[in-house]
């Protein structure tokens, strides 16, 4: 039986990310994301709907989110849904919360302190560092890398 648990969200952080480290040294970053939707109601008036989603980022991704994003920053999150269930210690009631466990993040908007808002462009591993002129050209037309100088040792194993 096939199954799929994949979420893509674009929104703004509702609060500054909270970075913690587990006793084993793994980083975990938690933050909230507000996702907006515009639609027209029965009378034709434009309405706004905001959904608030809790996000959990582990490891290097969490460290990057904590370092480069702040309240109001815009980003795209790719991840999976996870349901947390527990029993409330004070009331004894069963509680649950649906959250997104981040697999990948793309920072959108201007970097922190760059005048245009918060958030860093790109996002670490996802940044395409190819020059724009090279990105537009088909792969066969991209310029070859400059030849290596002859003074390099030819016995390098890679």
C-alpha atoms as a PDB file:
ATOM      1  CA  UNK A   1       0.000   0.000   0.000  1.00  0.00           C
ATOM      2  CA  UNK A   2       1.472   3.346  -1.037  1.00  0.00           C
ATOM      3  CA  UNK A   3       1.635   6.302   1.313  1.00  0.00           C
ATOM      4  CA  UNK A   4       2.984   9.828   1.180  1.00  0.00           C
ATOM      5  CA  UNK A   5       3.660  12.324   3.944  1.00  0.00           C
ATOM      6  CA  UNK A   6       5.052  15.500   2.337  1.00  0.00           C
ATOM      7  CA  UNK A   7       4.342  19.158   3.134  1.00  0.00           C
ATOM      8  CA  UNK A   8       5.407  22.330   1.304  1.00  0.00           C
ATOM      9  CA  UNK A   9       4.668  25.665   2.994  1.00  0.00           C
ATOM     10  CA  UNK A  10       5.637  29.262   2.267  1.00  0.00           C
ATOM     11  CA  UNK A  11       5.066  31.754   5.042  1.00  0.00           C
ATOM     12  CA  UNK A  12       6.503  34.089   7.642  1.00  0.00           C
ATOM     13  CA  UNK A  13       7.972  33.211  11.028  1.00  0.00           C
ATOM     14  CA  UNK A  14       5.634  34.134  13.877  1.00  0.00           C
ATOM     15  CA  UNK A  15       8.439  34.288  16.447  1.00  0.00           C
ATOM     16  CA  UNK A  16      12.211  34.083  16.642  1.00  0.00           C
ATOM     17  CA  UNK A  17      13.464  30.490  16.331  1.00  0.00           C
ATOM     18  CA  UNK A  18      14.343  28.712  19.592  1.00  0.00           C
ATOM     19  CA  UNK A  19      17.530  26.637  19.301  1.00  0.00           C
ATOM     20  CA  UNK A  20      18.287  23.913  21.848  1.00  0.00           C
ATOM     21  CA  UNK A  21      20.824  21.111  21.970  1.00  0.00           C
ATOM     22  CA  UNK A  22      20.014  17.568  23.103  1.00  0.00           C
ATOM     23  CA  UNK A  23      22.263  15.833  25.660  1.00  0.00           C
ATOM     24  CA  UNK A  24      23.865  13.925  22.753  1.00  0.00           C
ATOM     25  CA  UNK A  25      24.748  17.211  21.027  1.00  0.00           C
ATOM     26  CA  UNK A  26      22.070  17.296  18.311  1.00  0.00           C
ATOM     27  CA  UNK A  27      20.616  20.725  17.566  1.00  0.00           C
ATOM     28  CA  UNK A  28      16.851  21.196  17.467  1.00  0.00           C
ATOM     29  CA  UNK A  29      15.185  24.425  16.404  1.00  0.00           C
ATOM     30  CA  UNK A  30      11.496  25.178  16.894  1.00  0.00           C
ATOM     31  CA  UNK A  31       9.592  28.040  15.323  1.00  0.00           C
ATOM     32  CA  UNK A  32       6.137  28.977  14.113  1.00  0.00           C
ATOM     33  CA  UNK A  33       5.115  29.732  10.539  1.00  0.00           C
ATOM     34  CA  UNK A  34       2.091  31.786   9.444  1.00  0.00           C
ATOM     35  CA  UNK A  35       0.737  30.740   6.049  1.00  0.00           C
ATOM     36  CA  UNK A  36      -1.720  33.136   4.383  1.00  0.00           C
ATOM     37  CA  UNK A  37      -4.475  32.325   1.905  1.00  0.00           C
ATOM     38  CA  UNK A  38      -6.697  34.741   0.008  1.00  0.00           C
ATOM     39  CA  UNK A  39     -10.076  33.717  -1.350  1.00  0.00           C
ATOM     40  CA  UNK A  40     -13.390  35.216  -2.373  1.00  0.00           C
ATOM     41  CA  UNK A  41     -16.446  34.525  -0.254  1.00  0.00           C
ATOM     42  CA  UNK A  42     -20.012  34.050  -1.526  1.00  0.00           C
ATOM     43  CA  UNK A  43     -20.553  37.810  -1.819  1.00  0.00           C
ATOM     44  CA  UNK A  44     -17.383  38.229  -3.928  1.00  0.00           C
ATOM     45  CA  UNK A  45     -15.432  40.013  -1.204  1.00  0.00           C
ATOM     46  CA  UNK A  46     -11.757  39.082  -0.827  1.00  0.00           C
ATOM     47  CA  UNK A  47     -11.075  37.360   2.489  1.00  0.00           C
ATOM     48  CA  UNK A  48      -7.802  36.448   4.200  1.00  0.00           C
ATOM     49  CA  UNK A  49      -7.219  33.250   6.136  1.00  0.00           C
ATOM     50  CA  UNK A  50      -4.081  32.600   8.175  1.00  0.00           C
ATOM     51  CA  UNK A  51      -2.954  29.176   9.350  1.00  0.00           C
ATOM     52  CA  UNK A  52      -0.339  28.872  12.077  1.00  0.00           C
ATOM     53  CA  UNK A  53       1.957  25.851  11.892  1.00  0.00           C
ATOM     54  CA  UNK A  54       4.614  24.657  14.361  1.00  0.00           C
ATOM     55  CA  UNK A  55       7.889  23.644  12.686  1.00  0.00           C
ATOM     56  CA  UNK A  56      10.723  21.524  14.105  1.00  0.00           C
ATOM     57  CA  UNK A  57      14.168  21.520  12.435  1.00  0.00           C
ATOM     58  CA  UNK A  58      16.944  19.128  13.459  1.00  0.00           C
ATOM     59  CA  UNK A  59      20.723  19.280  13.029  1.00  0.00           C
ATOM     60  CA  UNK A  60      22.410  21.633  10.592  1.00  0.00           C
ATOM     61  CA  UNK A  61      19.092  22.810   9.119  1.00  0.00           C
ATOM     62  CA  UNK A  62      17.967  23.928  12.582  1.00  0.00           C
ATOM     63  CA  UNK A  63      21.230  25.766  13.183  1.00  0.00           C
ATOM     64  CA  UNK A  64      20.880  27.607   9.853  1.00  0.00           C
ATOM     65  CA  UNK A  65      17.282  28.601  10.573  1.00  0.00           C
ATOM     66  CA  UNK A  66      18.278  29.899  14.010  1.00  0.00           C
ATOM     67  CA  UNK A  67      21.218  31.851  12.607  1.00  0.00           C
ATOM     68  CA  UNK A  68      19.602  33.476   9.570  1.00  0.00           C
ATOM     69  CA  UNK A  69      15.871  33.766  10.258  1.00  0.00           C
ATOM     70  CA  UNK A  70      13.935  35.849  12.748  1.00  0.00           C
ATOM     71  CA  UNK A  71      10.369  36.880  13.457  1.00  0.00           C
ATOM     72  CA  UNK A  72       8.758  38.045  10.198  1.00  0.00           C
ATOM     73  CA  UNK A  73      11.294  36.289   7.923  1.00  0.00           C
ATOM     74  CA  UNK A  74       9.825  34.548   4.912  1.00  0.00           C
ATOM     75  CA  UNK A  75      10.824  31.001   3.994  1.00  0.00           C
ATOM     76  CA  UNK A  76       9.675  27.879   2.206  1.00  0.00           C
ATOM     77  CA  UNK A  77       9.582  24.737   4.308  1.00  0.00           C
ATOM     78  CA  UNK A  78       9.572  21.181   2.985  1.00  0.00           C
ATOM     79  CA  UNK A  79       8.903  18.448   5.495  1.00  0.00           C
ATOM     80  CA  UNK A  80       6.557  15.834   6.880  1.00  0.00           C
ATOM     81  CA  UNK A  81       3.649  15.875   9.310  1.00  0.00           C
ATOM     82  CA  UNK A  82       4.113  14.425  12.773  1.00  0.00           C
ATOM     83  CA  UNK A  83       1.509  13.990  15.497  1.00  0.00           C
ATOM     84  CA  UNK A  84       2.732  14.404  19.075  1.00  0.00           C
ATOM     85  CA  UNK A  85       0.529  12.882  21.793  1.00  0.00           C
ATOM     86  CA  UNK A  86       0.933  13.175  25.551  1.00  0.00           C
ATOM     87  CA  UNK A  87      -1.010  13.285  28.776  1.00  0.00           C
ATOM     88  CA  UNK A  88      -1.302  16.663  30.509  1.00  0.00           C
ATOM     89  CA  UNK A  89       0.375  16.379  33.917  1.00  0.00           C
ATOM     90  CA  UNK A  90      -1.926  18.877  35.636  1.00  0.00           C
ATOM     91  CA  UNK A  91      -5.338  17.844  34.271  1.00  0.00           C
ATOM     92  CA  UNK A  92      -4.618  14.257  33.196  1.00  0.00           C
ATOM     93  CA  UNK A  93      -6.238  14.897  29.795  1.00  0.00           C
ATOM     94  CA  UNK A  94      -4.841  13.406  26.628  1.00  0.00           C
ATOM     95  CA  UNK A  95      -3.399  16.117  24.398  1.00  0.00           C
ATOM     96  CA  UNK A  96      -2.101  16.134  20.823  1.00  0.00           C
ATOM     97  CA  UNK A  97      -0.428  18.535  18.431  1.00  0.00           C
ATOM     98  CA  UNK A  98       0.245  18.286  14.709  1.00  0.00           C
ATOM     99  CA  UNK A  99       3.556  19.775  13.563  1.00  0.00           C
ATOM    100  CA  UNK A 100       5.891  19.727  10.568  1.00  0.00           C
ATOM    101  CA  UNK A 101       9.339  18.140  10.868  1.00  0.00           C
ATOM    102  CA  UNK A 102      11.554  20.087   8.482  1.00  0.00           C
ATOM    103  CA  UNK A 103      13.490  18.228   5.793  1.00  0.00           C
ATOM    104  CA  UNK A 104      14.568  21.245   3.763  1.00  0.00           C
ATOM    105  CA  UNK A 105      14.266  25.035   4.001  1.00  0.00           C
ATOM    106  CA  UNK A 106      14.643  27.772   1.418  1.00  0.00           C
ATOM    107  CA  UNK A 107      15.224  31.271   2.800  1.00  0.00           C
ATOM    108  CA  UNK A 108      13.263  33.960   0.943  1.00  0.00           C
ATOM    109  CA  UNK A 109      13.585  37.743   1.120  1.00  0.00           C
ATOM    110  CA  UNK A 110      16.493  39.970   2.097  1.00  0.00           C
ATOM    111  CA  UNK A 111      19.120  39.004   4.696  1.00  0.00           C
ATOM    112  CA  UNK A 112      18.764  40.168   8.280  1.00  0.00           C
ATOM    113  CA  UNK A 113      19.714  43.824   8.627  1.00  0.00           C
ATOM    114  CA  UNK A 114      19.645  44.435   4.862  1.00  0.00           C
ATOM    115  CA  UNK A 115      16.894  47.022   5.062  1.00  0.00           C
ATOM    116  CA  UNK A 116      14.251  45.004   3.201  1.00  0.00           C
ATOM    117  CA  UNK A 117      13.265  42.666   6.021  1.00  0.00           C
ATOM    118  CA  UNK A 118      14.562  39.529   7.650  1.00  0.00           C
ATOM    119  CA  UNK A 119      15.656  36.217   6.198  1.00  0.00           C
ATOM    120  CA  UNK A 120      18.652  35.254   4.106  1.00  0.00           C
ATOM    121  CA  UNK A 121      18.462  34.602   0.414  1.00  0.00           C
ATOM    122  CA  UNK A 122      19.220  31.085  -0.654  1.00  0.00           C
ATOM    123  CA  UNK A 123      19.808  28.869   2.298  1.00  0.00           C
ATOM    124  CA  UNK A 124      23.065  27.093   2.642  1.00  0.00           C
ATOM    125  CA  UNK A 125      23.002  23.854   0.701  1.00  0.00           C
ATOM    126  CA  UNK A 126      20.146  24.868  -1.628  1.00  0.00           C
ATOM    127  CA  UNK A 127      21.847  27.939  -3.061  1.00  0.00           C
ATOM    128  CA  UNK A 128      22.586  27.729  -6.787  1.00  0.00           C
ATOM    129  CA  UNK A 129      26.000  29.366  -7.000  1.00  0.00           C
ATOM    130  CA  UNK A 130      26.136  29.220 -10.809  1.00  0.00           C
ATOM    131  CA  UNK A 131      26.437  32.639 -12.440  1.00  0.00           C
ATOM    132  CA  UNK A 132      23.091  33.848 -13.877  1.00  0.00           C
ATOM    133  CA  UNK A 133      24.484  33.943 -17.421  1.00  0.00           C
ATOM    134  CA  UNK A 134      25.588  30.323 -17.093  1.00  0.00           C
ATOM    135  CA  UNK A 135      22.254  29.209 -15.597  1.00  0.00           C
ATOM    136  CA  UNK A 136      20.352  30.531 -18.604  1.00  0.00           C
ATOM    137  CA  UNK A 137      22.558  28.733 -21.144  1.00  0.00           C
ATOM    138  CA  UNK A 138      21.965  25.077 -21.984  1.00  0.00           C
ATOM    139  CA  UNK A 139      24.547  22.720 -20.409  1.00  0.00           C
ATOM    140  CA  UNK A 140      26.335  22.181 -23.742  1.00  0.00           C
ATOM    141  CA  UNK A 141      26.963  25.928 -24.070  1.00  0.00           C
ATOM    142  CA  UNK A 142      28.396  26.482 -20.608  1.00  0.00           C
ATOM    143  CA  UNK A 143      32.023  27.451 -20.683  1.00  0.00           C
ATOM    144  CA  UNK A 144      34.467  24.777 -19.654  1.00  0.00           C
ATOM    145  CA  UNK A 145      36.516  25.362 -16.530  1.00  0.00           C
ATOM    146  CA  UNK A 146      39.906  26.961 -17.074  1.00  0.00           C
ATOM    147  CA  UNK A 147      42.633  24.370 -17.691  1.00  0.00           C
ATOM    148  CA  UNK A 148      44.764  23.497 -14.685  1.00  0.00           C
ATOM    149  CA  UNK A 149      48.234  25.029 -14.561  1.00  0.00           C
ATOM    150  CA  UNK A 150      50.959  22.647 -15.700  1.00  0.00           C
ATOM    151  CA  UNK A 151      52.829  23.101 -12.438  1.00  0.00           C
ATOM    152  CA  UNK A 152      50.314  20.933 -10.551  1.00  0.00           C
ATOM    153  CA  UNK A 153      51.388  17.456  -9.518  1.00  0.00           C
ATOM    154  CA  UNK A 154      49.894  14.831 -11.843  1.00  0.00           C
ATOM    155  CA  UNK A 155      49.915  12.133  -9.131  1.00  0.00           C
ATOM    156  CA  UNK A 156      46.943  13.531  -7.198  1.00  0.00           C
ATOM    157  CA  UNK A 157      44.603  10.546  -6.609  1.00  0.00           C
ATOM    158  CA  UNK A 158      41.357  12.435  -7.340  1.00  0.00           C
END
